[in-house]
């Protein structure tokens, strides 16, 4: 066997052995007690949830940076004056909703209390829109909530989930297993279908709350 090759094999074996020893050494330094100590601080109320850009988030970053420095890790970021830092500067944009509400039947509903937004919505001023109930918002070969229903330019209210029979099984599958309309992405399928049929807005309603008399709703 070539002597250089043999020496290379011994060197590789030694390198792997050293790497395994280092991995075992550092793995042994991670203990439940140590993890708890850090997590209690990171998750403490004083850090206010560590929301992006908040004082609590900055405190958490400084806490982690202190340990990076203690362990001798080399900073990867560069500040404006050329110094090395563990913290990377970036521009933060903050946006928020204005006065968001919905009114129907003479009653005003509060945002994040009576209703929630799923996705993006831009309604700069109050508008009035006709509302129709589209059941579960499903259109399938054996079942359709859109038969003889015109939703073009209107707001559509859709129930969550899929319809069930008296035996507790889903009508579409004939089993206790949900189909594509009731699965994790079921709501996305329903919204996509409603917009394809010309709906202007889509409102989701829990299946347990079935009372709706139709009419219009005011959005802002």
N, C-alpha and C. Protein backbone atom coordinates (compact mmCIF):
# COMPACT_ATOMS: atom_id res chain seq x y z
N UNK A 1 0.86 -1.21 0.00
CA UNK A 1 0.00 0.00 0.00
C UNK A 1 0.88 1.24 0.00
N UNK A 2 0.48 2.25 -0.70
CA UNK A 2 1.22 3.50 -0.75
C UNK A 2 1.37 4.10 0.65
N UNK A 3 2.63 4.49 1.00
CA UNK A 3 2.88 5.01 2.35
C UNK A 3 2.13 6.31 2.60
N UNK A 4 2.05 7.16 1.57
CA UNK A 4 1.32 8.42 1.74
C UNK A 4 -0.16 8.18 2.00
N UNK A 5 -0.72 7.19 1.29
CA UNK A 5 -2.12 6.83 1.48
C UNK A 5 -2.33 6.29 2.87
N UNK A 6 -1.40 5.45 3.33
CA UNK A 6 -1.51 4.87 4.67
C UNK A 6 -1.46 5.95 5.73
N UNK A 7 -0.55 6.91 5.55
CA UNK A 7 -0.43 8.01 6.51
C UNK A 7 -1.70 8.85 6.52
N UNK A 8 -2.28 9.03 5.31
CA UNK A 8 -3.51 9.79 5.22
C UNK A 8 -4.67 9.12 5.92
N UNK A 9 -4.71 7.80 5.82
CA UNK A 9 -5.77 7.05 6.50
C UNK A 9 -5.65 7.17 8.01
N UNK A 10 -4.42 7.07 8.52
CA UNK A 10 -4.20 7.21 9.97
C UNK A 10 -4.58 8.62 10.44
N UNK A 11 -4.22 9.63 9.60
CA UNK A 11 -4.53 11.01 9.94
C UNK A 11 -6.04 11.23 9.98
N UNK A 12 -6.75 10.68 8.98
CA UNK A 12 -8.21 10.81 8.93
C UNK A 12 -8.86 10.15 10.13
N UNK A 13 -8.36 8.95 10.49
CA UNK A 13 -8.91 8.23 11.63
C UNK A 13 -8.70 9.02 12.91
N UNK A 14 -7.52 9.65 13.02
CA UNK A 14 -7.22 10.43 14.22
C UNK A 14 -8.11 11.66 14.29
N UNK A 15 -8.33 12.29 13.12
CA UNK A 15 -9.18 13.49 13.07
C UNK A 15 -10.61 13.16 13.46
N UNK A 16 -11.13 12.04 12.94
CA UNK A 16 -12.49 11.62 13.27
C UNK A 16 -12.61 11.31 14.76
N UNK A 17 -11.60 10.65 15.30
CA UNK A 17 -11.61 10.32 16.72
C UNK A 17 -11.63 11.57 17.58
N UNK A 18 -10.81 12.57 17.18
CA UNK A 18 -10.77 13.83 17.94
C UNK A 18 -12.10 14.56 17.86
N UNK A 19 -12.71 14.54 16.66
CA UNK A 19 -14.00 15.20 16.47
C UNK A 19 -15.07 14.54 17.33
N UNK A 20 -15.03 13.21 17.40
CA UNK A 20 -15.99 12.48 18.22
C UNK A 20 -15.78 12.78 19.69
N UNK A 21 -14.50 12.91 20.09
CA UNK A 21 -14.20 13.24 21.49
C UNK A 21 -14.73 14.63 21.83
N UNK A 22 -14.53 15.60 20.88
CA UNK A 22 -15.03 16.96 21.10
C UNK A 22 -16.54 16.99 21.19
N UNK A 23 -17.20 16.23 20.27
CA UNK A 23 -18.66 16.18 20.28
C UNK A 23 -19.18 15.64 21.60
N UNK A 24 -18.55 14.56 22.09
CA UNK A 24 -18.96 13.97 23.36
C UNK A 24 -18.73 14.93 24.52
N UNK A 25 -17.60 15.66 24.45
CA UNK A 25 -17.28 16.61 25.52
C UNK A 25 -18.32 17.73 25.58
N UNK A 26 -18.65 18.30 24.42
CA UNK A 26 -19.61 19.41 24.40
C UNK A 26 -21.03 18.93 24.68
N UNK A 27 -21.35 17.72 24.22
CA UNK A 27 -22.68 17.17 24.51
C UNK A 27 -22.87 16.97 26.00
N UNK A 28 -21.78 16.54 26.68
CA UNK A 28 -21.86 16.30 28.13
C UNK A 28 -22.03 17.61 28.90
N UNK A 29 -21.68 18.73 28.27
CA UNK A 29 -21.80 20.03 28.95
C UNK A 29 -23.23 20.54 28.95
N UNK A 30 -24.11 19.92 28.16
CA UNK A 30 -25.51 20.33 28.11
C UNK A 30 -26.30 19.52 29.13
N UNK A 31 -26.74 20.16 30.15
CA UNK A 31 -27.46 19.47 31.22
C UNK A 31 -28.86 20.07 31.39
N UNK A 32 -29.79 19.30 31.92
CA UNK A 32 -31.14 19.83 32.16
C UNK A 32 -31.12 21.06 33.06
N UNK A 33 -30.24 21.05 34.05
CA UNK A 33 -30.17 22.16 34.98
C UNK A 33 -29.71 23.44 34.27
N UNK A 34 -28.71 23.29 33.38
CA UNK A 34 -28.18 24.44 32.65
C UNK A 34 -29.22 24.99 31.67
N UNK A 35 -29.91 24.09 30.97
CA UNK A 35 -30.95 24.52 30.04
C UNK A 35 -32.07 25.25 30.77
N UNK A 36 -32.45 24.73 31.91
CA UNK A 36 -33.51 25.36 32.69
C UNK A 36 -33.12 26.76 33.12
N UNK A 37 -31.85 26.91 33.53
CA UNK A 37 -31.37 28.21 33.99
C UNK A 37 -31.53 29.26 32.89
N UNK A 38 -31.13 28.90 31.67
CA UNK A 38 -31.22 29.85 30.56
C UNK A 38 -32.65 30.08 30.11
N UNK A 39 -33.44 29.02 30.05
CA UNK A 39 -34.82 29.15 29.58
C UNK A 39 -35.67 29.97 30.53
N UNK A 40 -35.40 29.85 31.82
CA UNK A 40 -36.16 30.64 32.81
C UNK A 40 -35.93 32.13 32.57
N UNK A 41 -34.71 32.47 32.18
CA UNK A 41 -34.39 33.88 31.91
C UNK A 41 -34.98 34.32 30.57
N UNK A 42 -34.76 33.53 29.51
CA UNK A 42 -35.26 33.89 28.18
C UNK A 42 -36.79 33.99 28.15
N UNK A 43 -37.46 33.13 28.90
CA UNK A 43 -38.93 33.10 28.90
C UNK A 43 -39.55 33.94 30.02
N UNK A 44 -38.73 34.70 30.73
CA UNK A 44 -39.25 35.46 31.86
C UNK A 44 -40.13 36.63 31.40
N UNK A 45 -41.00 37.09 32.29
CA UNK A 45 -41.89 38.20 31.97
C UNK A 45 -41.12 39.49 31.68
N UNK A 46 -39.93 39.62 32.25
CA UNK A 46 -39.16 40.84 32.05
C UNK A 46 -38.74 41.04 30.60
N UNK A 47 -38.73 39.96 29.82
CA UNK A 47 -38.36 40.05 28.41
C UNK A 47 -39.58 40.28 27.51
N UNK A 48 -40.75 40.36 28.10
CA UNK A 48 -41.99 40.77 27.43
C UNK A 48 -42.30 40.01 26.16
N UNK A 49 -41.99 38.71 26.13
CA UNK A 49 -42.30 37.90 24.95
C UNK A 49 -41.28 38.02 23.84
N UNK A 50 -40.26 38.88 24.00
CA UNK A 50 -39.19 39.03 23.00
C UNK A 50 -39.74 39.41 21.62
N UNK A 51 -40.77 40.23 21.61
CA UNK A 51 -41.35 40.65 20.33
C UNK A 51 -40.30 41.43 19.53
N UNK A 52 -40.28 41.24 18.22
CA UNK A 52 -39.28 41.86 17.37
C UNK A 52 -39.23 43.38 17.55
N UNK A 53 -38.03 43.88 17.85
CA UNK A 53 -37.84 45.31 18.03
C UNK A 53 -38.16 45.83 19.41
N UNK A 54 -38.66 44.97 20.28
CA UNK A 54 -39.03 45.40 21.63
C UNK A 54 -37.81 45.42 22.55
N UNK A 55 -37.88 46.15 23.67
CA UNK A 55 -36.79 46.15 24.64
C UNK A 55 -36.49 44.73 25.14
N UNK A 56 -37.53 43.92 25.29
CA UNK A 56 -37.33 42.54 25.75
C UNK A 56 -36.53 41.71 24.76
N UNK A 57 -36.78 41.94 23.47
CA UNK A 57 -36.04 41.20 22.44
C UNK A 57 -34.56 41.61 22.47
N UNK A 58 -34.30 42.87 22.70
CA UNK A 58 -32.93 43.35 22.76
C UNK A 58 -32.22 42.81 24.00
N UNK A 59 -32.92 42.70 25.11
CA UNK A 59 -32.34 42.11 26.32
C UNK A 59 -31.94 40.66 26.07
N UNK A 60 -32.82 39.92 25.38
CA UNK A 60 -32.53 38.52 25.08
C UNK A 60 -31.30 38.41 24.19
N UNK A 61 -31.18 39.31 23.19
CA UNK A 61 -30.02 39.29 22.29
C UNK A 61 -28.73 39.57 23.05
N UNK A 62 -28.77 40.52 23.97
CA UNK A 62 -27.59 40.84 24.76
C UNK A 62 -27.21 39.67 25.67
N UNK A 63 -28.22 38.99 26.19
CA UNK A 63 -27.96 37.84 27.07
C UNK A 63 -27.25 36.73 26.30
N UNK A 64 -27.73 36.44 25.08
CA UNK A 64 -27.10 35.40 24.26
C UNK A 64 -25.70 35.83 23.82
N UNK A 65 -25.55 37.12 23.46
CA UNK A 65 -24.26 37.63 23.02
C UNK A 65 -23.21 37.49 24.12
N UNK A 66 -23.61 37.68 25.34
CA UNK A 66 -22.68 37.57 26.46
C UNK A 66 -22.07 36.18 26.53
N UNK A 67 -22.89 35.17 26.26
CA UNK A 67 -22.38 33.79 26.31
C UNK A 67 -21.55 33.45 25.09
N UNK A 68 -21.88 34.05 23.94
CA UNK A 68 -21.02 33.87 22.76
C UNK A 68 -19.61 34.37 23.07
N UNK A 69 -19.54 35.55 23.68
CA UNK A 69 -18.25 36.14 24.01
C UNK A 69 -17.52 35.31 25.05
N UNK A 70 -18.27 34.80 26.03
CA UNK A 70 -17.68 33.99 27.10
C UNK A 70 -17.04 32.72 26.54
N UNK A 71 -17.66 32.14 25.53
CA UNK A 71 -17.15 30.90 24.95
C UNK A 71 -16.11 31.14 23.84
N UNK A 72 -15.84 32.41 23.56
CA UNK A 72 -14.81 32.72 22.58
C UNK A 72 -15.25 32.59 21.13
N UNK A 73 -16.54 32.64 20.87
CA UNK A 73 -17.02 32.56 19.48
C UNK A 73 -16.70 33.87 18.75
N UNK A 74 -16.27 33.79 17.53
CA UNK A 74 -15.90 34.96 16.76
C UNK A 74 -17.14 35.63 16.17
N UNK A 75 -17.32 36.93 16.39
CA UNK A 75 -18.49 37.64 15.83
C UNK A 75 -18.48 37.59 14.31
N UNK A 76 -19.66 37.45 13.72
CA UNK A 76 -19.76 37.33 12.26
C UNK A 76 -20.21 38.63 11.61
N UNK A 77 -20.90 39.49 12.36
CA UNK A 77 -21.43 40.73 11.79
C UNK A 77 -20.41 41.86 11.94
N UNK A 78 -20.55 42.88 11.07
CA UNK A 78 -19.68 44.05 11.12
C UNK A 78 -20.53 45.30 11.28
N UNK A 79 -20.16 46.15 12.23
CA UNK A 79 -20.91 47.38 12.47
C UNK A 79 -20.49 48.46 11.47
N UNK A 80 -21.15 49.61 11.53
CA UNK A 80 -20.87 50.70 10.59
C UNK A 80 -19.44 51.21 10.70
N UNK A 81 -18.86 51.15 11.90
CA UNK A 81 -17.49 51.64 12.08
C UNK A 81 -16.45 50.55 11.85
N UNK A 82 -16.89 49.40 11.35
CA UNK A 82 -15.96 48.33 11.02
C UNK A 82 -15.67 47.34 12.13
N UNK A 83 -16.25 47.56 13.30
CA UNK A 83 -16.03 46.65 14.43
C UNK A 83 -16.85 45.38 14.26
N UNK A 84 -16.38 44.32 14.87
CA UNK A 84 -17.09 43.05 14.82
C UNK A 84 -18.16 43.01 15.92
N UNK A 85 -19.28 42.37 15.61
CA UNK A 85 -20.38 42.31 16.57
C UNK A 85 -21.17 41.01 16.41
N UNK A 86 -21.79 40.57 17.50
CA UNK A 86 -22.67 39.41 17.44
C UNK A 86 -24.07 39.82 16.95
N UNK A 87 -24.32 41.11 16.92
CA UNK A 87 -25.63 41.62 16.56
C UNK A 87 -25.60 42.20 15.15
N UNK A 88 -26.54 41.81 14.32
CA UNK A 88 -26.63 42.30 12.95
C UNK A 88 -27.72 43.36 12.85
N UNK A 89 -27.37 44.54 12.37
CA UNK A 89 -28.32 45.63 12.24
C UNK A 89 -29.19 45.43 11.00
N UNK A 90 -30.47 45.77 11.11
CA UNK A 90 -31.37 45.70 9.95
C UNK A 90 -32.50 46.69 10.16
N UNK A 91 -33.10 47.09 9.07
CA UNK A 91 -34.19 48.06 9.12
C UNK A 91 -35.48 47.35 9.50
N UNK A 92 -36.17 47.89 10.47
CA UNK A 92 -37.41 47.29 10.95
C UNK A 92 -38.59 48.19 10.59
N UNK A 93 -39.58 47.60 9.92
CA UNK A 93 -40.79 48.33 9.55
C UNK A 93 -41.95 47.82 10.40
N UNK A 94 -42.69 48.72 10.97
CA UNK A 94 -43.81 48.33 11.82
C UNK A 94 -45.11 48.82 11.21
N UNK A 95 -46.03 47.90 11.01
CA UNK A 95 -47.34 48.24 10.49
C UNK A 95 -48.42 47.75 11.44
N UNK A 96 -49.55 48.40 11.43
CA UNK A 96 -50.64 47.98 12.31
C UNK A 96 -51.97 48.33 11.65
N UNK A 97 -53.03 47.68 12.11
CA UNK A 97 -54.36 47.96 11.60
C UNK A 97 -54.89 49.24 12.23
N UNK A 98 -55.74 49.92 11.51
CA UNK A 98 -56.40 51.10 12.05
C UNK A 98 -57.66 50.67 12.79
N UNK A 99 -58.74 51.39 12.56
CA UNK A 99 -60.01 51.06 13.19
C UNK A 99 -60.71 49.99 12.34
N UNK A 100 -60.65 48.76 12.79
CA UNK A 100 -61.21 47.63 12.04
C UNK A 100 -62.48 47.14 12.75
N UNK A 101 -63.56 47.04 12.00
CA UNK A 101 -64.81 46.56 12.60
C UNK A 101 -65.73 46.02 11.51
N UNK A 102 -66.77 45.35 11.96
CA UNK A 102 -67.82 44.86 11.07
C UNK A 102 -69.16 45.17 11.72
N UNK A 103 -70.13 45.60 10.93
CA UNK A 103 -71.46 45.90 11.46
C UNK A 103 -72.50 45.13 10.68
N UNK A 104 -73.44 44.56 11.39
CA UNK A 104 -74.54 43.82 10.75
C UNK A 104 -75.75 43.85 11.67
N UNK A 105 -76.91 44.08 11.11
CA UNK A 105 -78.13 44.09 11.90
C UNK A 105 -78.13 45.12 13.00
N UNK A 106 -77.47 46.26 12.75
CA UNK A 106 -77.43 47.32 13.75
C UNK A 106 -76.43 47.11 14.86
N UNK A 107 -75.64 46.03 14.81
CA UNK A 107 -74.67 45.74 15.85
C UNK A 107 -73.26 45.86 15.29
N UNK A 108 -72.36 46.43 16.09
CA UNK A 108 -70.97 46.59 15.67
C UNK A 108 -70.12 45.51 16.33
N UNK A 109 -69.31 44.85 15.54
CA UNK A 109 -68.47 43.76 16.04
C UNK A 109 -67.01 44.22 16.08
N UNK A 110 -66.33 43.90 17.18
CA UNK A 110 -64.98 44.37 17.41
C UNK A 110 -63.93 43.40 16.85
N UNK A 111 -62.90 44.00 16.27
CA UNK A 111 -61.78 43.25 15.71
C UNK A 111 -60.97 42.59 16.84
N UNK A 112 -60.57 41.34 16.62
CA UNK A 112 -59.79 40.54 17.59
C UNK A 112 -60.57 40.21 18.86
N UNK A 113 -61.88 40.45 18.82
CA UNK A 113 -62.74 40.04 19.92
C UNK A 113 -63.92 39.24 19.38
N UNK A 114 -64.65 39.87 18.48
CA UNK A 114 -65.80 39.20 17.86
C UNK A 114 -65.43 38.51 16.55
N UNK A 115 -64.37 38.98 15.92
CA UNK A 115 -63.94 38.36 14.67
C UNK A 115 -62.44 38.57 14.50
N UNK A 116 -61.84 37.76 13.62
CA UNK A 116 -60.40 37.82 13.37
C UNK A 116 -60.16 37.82 11.86
N UNK A 117 -59.00 38.33 11.46
CA UNK A 117 -58.63 38.34 10.06
C UNK A 117 -57.71 37.17 9.76
N UNK A 118 -57.97 36.52 8.65
CA UNK A 118 -57.11 35.42 8.21
C UNK A 118 -56.55 35.80 6.84
N UNK A 119 -55.38 36.43 6.87
CA UNK A 119 -54.81 36.91 5.63
C UNK A 119 -54.79 38.43 5.60
N UNK A 120 -54.66 39.01 4.43
CA UNK A 120 -54.57 40.46 4.27
C UNK A 120 -55.92 41.04 3.86
N UNK A 121 -56.21 42.23 4.36
CA UNK A 121 -57.46 42.90 4.03
C UNK A 121 -57.20 44.40 3.95
N UNK A 122 -57.62 45.01 2.85
CA UNK A 122 -57.47 46.45 2.69
C UNK A 122 -58.83 47.06 2.42
N UNK A 123 -59.37 47.74 3.44
CA UNK A 123 -60.64 48.43 3.30
C UNK A 123 -60.45 49.81 3.93
N UNK A 124 -59.98 50.80 3.15
CA UNK A 124 -59.63 52.11 3.70
C UNK A 124 -60.81 52.89 4.26
N UNK A 125 -62.01 52.61 3.80
CA UNK A 125 -63.19 53.30 4.33
C UNK A 125 -64.34 52.32 4.42
N UNK A 126 -65.35 52.67 5.21
CA UNK A 126 -66.46 51.74 5.43
C UNK A 126 -67.20 51.45 4.13
N UNK A 127 -67.43 50.18 3.89
CA UNK A 127 -68.18 49.76 2.71
C UNK A 127 -69.33 48.87 3.15
N UNK A 128 -70.37 48.81 2.34
CA UNK A 128 -71.50 47.94 2.60
C UNK A 128 -71.53 46.86 1.52
N UNK A 129 -71.64 45.61 1.95
CA UNK A 129 -71.62 44.51 0.99
C UNK A 129 -72.72 43.51 1.30
N UNK A 130 -73.35 43.02 0.26
CA UNK A 130 -74.37 41.99 0.43
C UNK A 130 -73.71 40.68 0.85
N UNK A 131 -74.40 39.95 1.70
CA UNK A 131 -73.84 38.71 2.24
C UNK A 131 -74.75 37.54 1.91
N UNK A 132 -74.14 36.44 1.48
CA UNK A 132 -74.89 35.21 1.23
C UNK A 132 -74.25 34.08 2.00
N UNK A 133 -75.05 33.15 2.41
CA UNK A 133 -74.56 31.98 3.13
C UNK A 133 -74.33 30.85 2.14
N UNK A 134 -73.10 30.34 2.10
CA UNK A 134 -72.76 29.27 1.15
C UNK A 134 -72.49 27.95 1.87
N UNK A 135 -73.22 27.69 2.93
CA UNK A 135 -73.06 26.43 3.65
C UNK A 135 -71.63 26.17 4.06
N UNK A 136 -71.11 25.03 3.67
CA UNK A 136 -69.72 24.68 3.97
C UNK A 136 -68.76 25.16 2.87
N UNK A 137 -69.30 25.81 1.85
CA UNK A 137 -68.45 26.34 0.80
C UNK A 137 -67.78 25.26 -0.03
N UNK A 138 -68.50 24.14 -0.23
CA UNK A 138 -67.92 22.98 -0.93
C UNK A 138 -68.59 22.77 -2.28
N UNK A 139 -67.81 22.40 -3.25
CA UNK A 139 -68.35 21.98 -4.54
C UNK A 139 -67.63 20.69 -4.93
N UNK A 140 -68.39 19.60 -4.96
CA UNK A 140 -67.82 18.30 -5.25
C UNK A 140 -68.77 17.56 -6.20
N UNK A 141 -68.32 16.44 -6.71
CA UNK A 141 -69.16 15.69 -7.65
C UNK A 141 -70.48 15.26 -7.01
N UNK A 142 -70.43 14.87 -5.76
CA UNK A 142 -71.63 14.35 -5.10
C UNK A 142 -72.30 15.37 -4.19
N UNK A 143 -71.69 16.56 -4.05
CA UNK A 143 -72.23 17.54 -3.10
C UNK A 143 -71.79 18.94 -3.52
N UNK A 144 -72.73 19.89 -3.47
CA UNK A 144 -72.38 21.27 -3.82
C UNK A 144 -73.21 22.25 -3.02
N UNK A 145 -72.51 23.22 -2.42
CA UNK A 145 -73.19 24.30 -1.69
C UNK A 145 -73.46 25.48 -2.61
N UNK A 146 -72.93 25.44 -3.82
CA UNK A 146 -73.06 26.57 -4.73
C UNK A 146 -74.13 26.35 -5.81
N UNK A 147 -74.88 25.28 -5.73
CA UNK A 147 -75.93 25.02 -6.72
C UNK A 147 -76.99 26.11 -6.65
N UNK A 148 -77.21 26.78 -7.77
CA UNK A 148 -78.20 27.85 -7.89
C UNK A 148 -77.90 29.02 -6.94
N UNK A 149 -76.61 29.22 -6.59
CA UNK A 149 -76.22 30.29 -5.68
C UNK A 149 -75.28 31.27 -6.40
N UNK A 150 -75.68 32.54 -6.45
CA UNK A 150 -74.87 33.57 -7.10
C UNK A 150 -74.10 34.33 -6.02
N UNK A 151 -72.78 34.26 -6.05
CA UNK A 151 -71.96 34.94 -5.04
C UNK A 151 -71.10 36.04 -5.65
N UNK A 152 -71.26 36.31 -6.92
CA UNK A 152 -70.41 37.27 -7.59
C UNK A 152 -70.57 38.67 -7.00
N UNK A 153 -69.43 39.25 -6.56
CA UNK A 153 -69.42 40.59 -6.00
C UNK A 153 -69.98 40.68 -4.59
N UNK A 154 -70.22 39.54 -3.95
CA UNK A 154 -70.82 39.54 -2.61
C UNK A 154 -69.84 38.96 -1.58
N UNK A 155 -70.18 39.17 -0.31
CA UNK A 155 -69.43 38.53 0.76
C UNK A 155 -70.07 37.18 1.05
N UNK A 156 -69.24 36.19 1.20
CA UNK A 156 -69.74 34.82 1.39
C UNK A 156 -69.40 34.32 2.79
N UNK A 157 -70.40 33.84 3.48
CA UNK A 157 -70.18 33.23 4.80
C UNK A 157 -70.12 31.72 4.61
N UNK A 158 -69.09 31.11 5.16
CA UNK A 158 -68.87 29.68 5.00
C UNK A 158 -68.64 29.04 6.36
N UNK A 159 -69.26 27.89 6.57
CA UNK A 159 -69.04 27.14 7.81
C UNK A 159 -67.71 26.41 7.75
N UNK A 160 -67.12 26.18 8.91
CA UNK A 160 -65.90 25.40 8.98
C UNK A 160 -66.21 23.91 8.81
N UNK A 161 -65.22 23.14 8.39
CA UNK A 161 -65.35 21.69 8.33
C UNK A 161 -66.13 21.17 7.15
N UNK A 162 -66.67 19.96 7.31
CA UNK A 162 -67.44 19.29 6.27
C UNK A 162 -68.75 18.78 6.86
N UNK A 163 -69.78 18.59 6.03
CA UNK A 163 -71.07 18.10 6.53
C UNK A 163 -70.99 16.63 6.94
N UNK A 164 -71.74 16.30 7.99
CA UNK A 164 -71.79 14.92 8.49
C UNK A 164 -73.21 14.39 8.40
N UNK A 165 -73.33 13.08 8.33
CA UNK A 165 -74.62 12.44 8.34
C UNK A 165 -75.05 12.13 9.76
N UNK A 166 -76.24 11.55 9.90
CA UNK A 166 -76.75 11.21 11.22
C UNK A 166 -75.88 10.17 11.92
N UNK A 167 -75.13 9.40 11.15
CA UNK A 167 -74.26 8.37 11.72
C UNK A 167 -72.91 8.92 12.17
N UNK A 168 -72.72 10.25 12.00
CA UNK A 168 -71.46 10.87 12.43
C UNK A 168 -70.35 10.79 11.40
N UNK A 169 -70.64 10.19 10.25
CA UNK A 169 -69.63 10.08 9.20
C UNK A 169 -69.75 11.26 8.23
N UNK A 170 -68.62 11.63 7.65
CA UNK A 170 -68.62 12.72 6.69
C UNK A 170 -69.31 12.28 5.40
N UNK A 171 -70.18 13.16 4.87
CA UNK A 171 -70.96 12.80 3.70
C UNK A 171 -70.10 12.55 2.47
N UNK A 172 -69.03 13.31 2.33
CA UNK A 172 -68.22 13.18 1.13
C UNK A 172 -67.39 11.91 1.10
N UNK A 173 -66.82 11.55 2.22
CA UNK A 173 -65.96 10.36 2.25
C UNK A 173 -66.70 9.11 2.68
N UNK A 174 -67.82 9.29 3.41
CA UNK A 174 -68.55 8.14 3.91
C UNK A 174 -67.86 7.48 5.09
N UNK A 175 -66.84 8.14 5.62
CA UNK A 175 -66.08 7.61 6.75
C UNK A 175 -65.95 8.70 7.82
N UNK A 176 -65.19 8.41 8.86
CA UNK A 176 -64.94 9.39 9.91
C UNK A 176 -63.70 10.24 9.60
N UNK A 177 -63.11 10.02 8.42
CA UNK A 177 -61.93 10.76 8.01
C UNK A 177 -62.33 12.00 7.19
N UNK A 178 -61.70 13.14 7.52
CA UNK A 178 -61.97 14.36 6.78
C UNK A 178 -61.35 14.30 5.39
N UNK A 179 -62.00 14.98 4.45
CA UNK A 179 -61.46 15.06 3.11
C UNK A 179 -60.71 16.37 2.91
N UNK A 180 -60.50 16.76 1.67
CA UNK A 180 -59.70 17.96 1.39
C UNK A 180 -60.39 19.25 1.86
N UNK A 181 -61.71 19.19 2.08
CA UNK A 181 -62.43 20.39 2.50
C UNK A 181 -62.40 20.58 4.02
N UNK A 182 -62.04 19.55 4.72
CA UNK A 182 -62.03 19.66 6.19
C UNK A 182 -60.64 19.47 6.77
N UNK A 183 -59.66 19.18 5.92
CA UNK A 183 -58.29 18.97 6.38
C UNK A 183 -57.64 20.30 6.76
N UNK A 184 -56.35 20.24 7.05
CA UNK A 184 -55.62 21.43 7.49
C UNK A 184 -55.71 22.57 6.48
N UNK A 185 -55.63 22.23 5.20
CA UNK A 185 -55.69 23.27 4.16
C UNK A 185 -57.10 23.39 3.58
N UNK A 186 -58.08 22.82 4.25
CA UNK A 186 -59.45 22.86 3.75
C UNK A 186 -59.98 24.27 3.58
N UNK A 187 -59.65 25.15 4.52
CA UNK A 187 -60.13 26.52 4.44
C UNK A 187 -59.55 27.23 3.22
N UNK A 188 -58.31 26.95 2.90
CA UNK A 188 -57.69 27.55 1.72
C UNK A 188 -58.41 27.10 0.45
N UNK A 189 -58.79 25.83 0.40
CA UNK A 189 -59.53 25.32 -0.77
C UNK A 189 -60.88 26.02 -0.91
N UNK A 190 -61.53 26.27 0.21
CA UNK A 190 -62.84 26.91 0.19
C UNK A 190 -62.74 28.37 -0.27
N UNK A 191 -61.72 29.06 0.24
CA UNK A 191 -61.54 30.47 -0.13
C UNK A 191 -61.20 30.58 -1.62
N UNK A 192 -60.35 29.72 -2.08
CA UNK A 192 -59.96 29.71 -3.50
C UNK A 192 -61.19 29.50 -4.39
N UNK A 193 -62.04 28.56 -4.01
CA UNK A 193 -63.24 28.27 -4.79
C UNK A 193 -64.19 29.46 -4.78
N UNK A 194 -64.37 30.08 -3.61
CA UNK A 194 -65.28 31.23 -3.50
C UNK A 194 -64.82 32.38 -4.39
N UNK A 195 -63.52 32.65 -4.39
CA UNK A 195 -63.00 33.74 -5.22
C UNK A 195 -63.11 33.40 -6.71
N UNK A 196 -62.94 32.13 -7.04
CA UNK A 196 -63.09 31.73 -8.44
C UNK A 196 -64.53 31.96 -8.91
N UNK A 197 -65.48 31.91 -7.97
CA UNK A 197 -66.89 32.11 -8.31
C UNK A 197 -67.28 33.59 -8.22
N UNK A 198 -66.29 34.45 -7.95
CA UNK A 198 -66.55 35.89 -7.97
C UNK A 198 -66.83 36.54 -6.64
N UNK A 199 -66.66 35.82 -5.53
CA UNK A 199 -66.90 36.40 -4.21
C UNK A 199 -65.93 37.55 -3.96
N UNK A 200 -66.40 38.59 -3.27
CA UNK A 200 -65.56 39.75 -2.96
C UNK A 200 -64.81 39.55 -1.66
N UNK A 201 -65.51 39.02 -0.66
CA UNK A 201 -64.90 38.71 0.63
C UNK A 201 -65.41 37.36 1.09
N UNK A 202 -64.64 36.69 1.92
CA UNK A 202 -65.04 35.39 2.46
C UNK A 202 -64.96 35.47 3.98
N UNK A 203 -66.07 35.14 4.63
CA UNK A 203 -66.15 35.16 6.09
C UNK A 203 -66.33 33.74 6.60
N UNK A 204 -65.58 33.40 7.62
CA UNK A 204 -65.67 32.05 8.18
C UNK A 204 -66.52 32.08 9.44
N UNK A 205 -67.37 31.07 9.57
CA UNK A 205 -68.27 30.97 10.72
C UNK A 205 -68.15 29.56 11.29
N UNK A 206 -68.05 29.46 12.62
CA UNK A 206 -67.95 28.13 13.22
C UNK A 206 -69.21 27.34 12.94
N UNK A 207 -69.07 26.04 12.77
CA UNK A 207 -70.21 25.19 12.41
C UNK A 207 -71.27 25.16 13.49
N UNK A 208 -70.89 25.50 14.73
CA UNK A 208 -71.84 25.46 15.83
C UNK A 208 -72.74 26.70 15.85
N UNK A 209 -72.30 27.77 15.17
CA UNK A 209 -73.09 29.00 15.14
C UNK A 209 -73.79 29.10 13.80
N UNK A 210 -74.98 28.56 13.69
CA UNK A 210 -75.64 28.44 12.39
C UNK A 210 -76.68 29.52 12.09
N UNK A 211 -76.93 30.43 13.01
CA UNK A 211 -78.02 31.37 12.79
C UNK A 211 -77.56 32.54 11.94
N UNK A 212 -78.21 32.75 10.81
CA UNK A 212 -77.91 33.90 9.95
C UNK A 212 -79.14 34.20 9.12
N UNK A 213 -79.54 35.46 9.10
CA UNK A 213 -80.76 35.83 8.41
C UNK A 213 -80.52 36.49 7.05
N UNK A 214 -79.23 36.54 6.65
CA UNK A 214 -78.93 37.17 5.38
C UNK A 214 -78.88 38.66 5.51
N UNK A 215 -78.86 39.37 4.37
CA UNK A 215 -78.83 40.83 4.39
C UNK A 215 -77.47 41.34 4.00
N UNK A 216 -77.01 42.43 4.66
CA UNK A 216 -75.74 43.04 4.31
C UNK A 216 -74.88 43.22 5.55
N UNK A 217 -73.60 43.49 5.33
CA UNK A 217 -72.67 43.73 6.41
C UNK A 217 -71.80 44.93 6.02
N UNK A 218 -71.42 45.72 7.00
CA UNK A 218 -70.55 46.88 6.78
C UNK A 218 -69.17 46.54 7.29
N UNK A 219 -68.16 46.74 6.45
CA UNK A 219 -66.79 46.42 6.79
C UNK A 219 -65.94 47.68 6.78
N UNK A 220 -64.97 47.74 7.70
CA UNK A 220 -63.99 48.83 7.68
C UNK A 220 -62.72 48.34 8.35
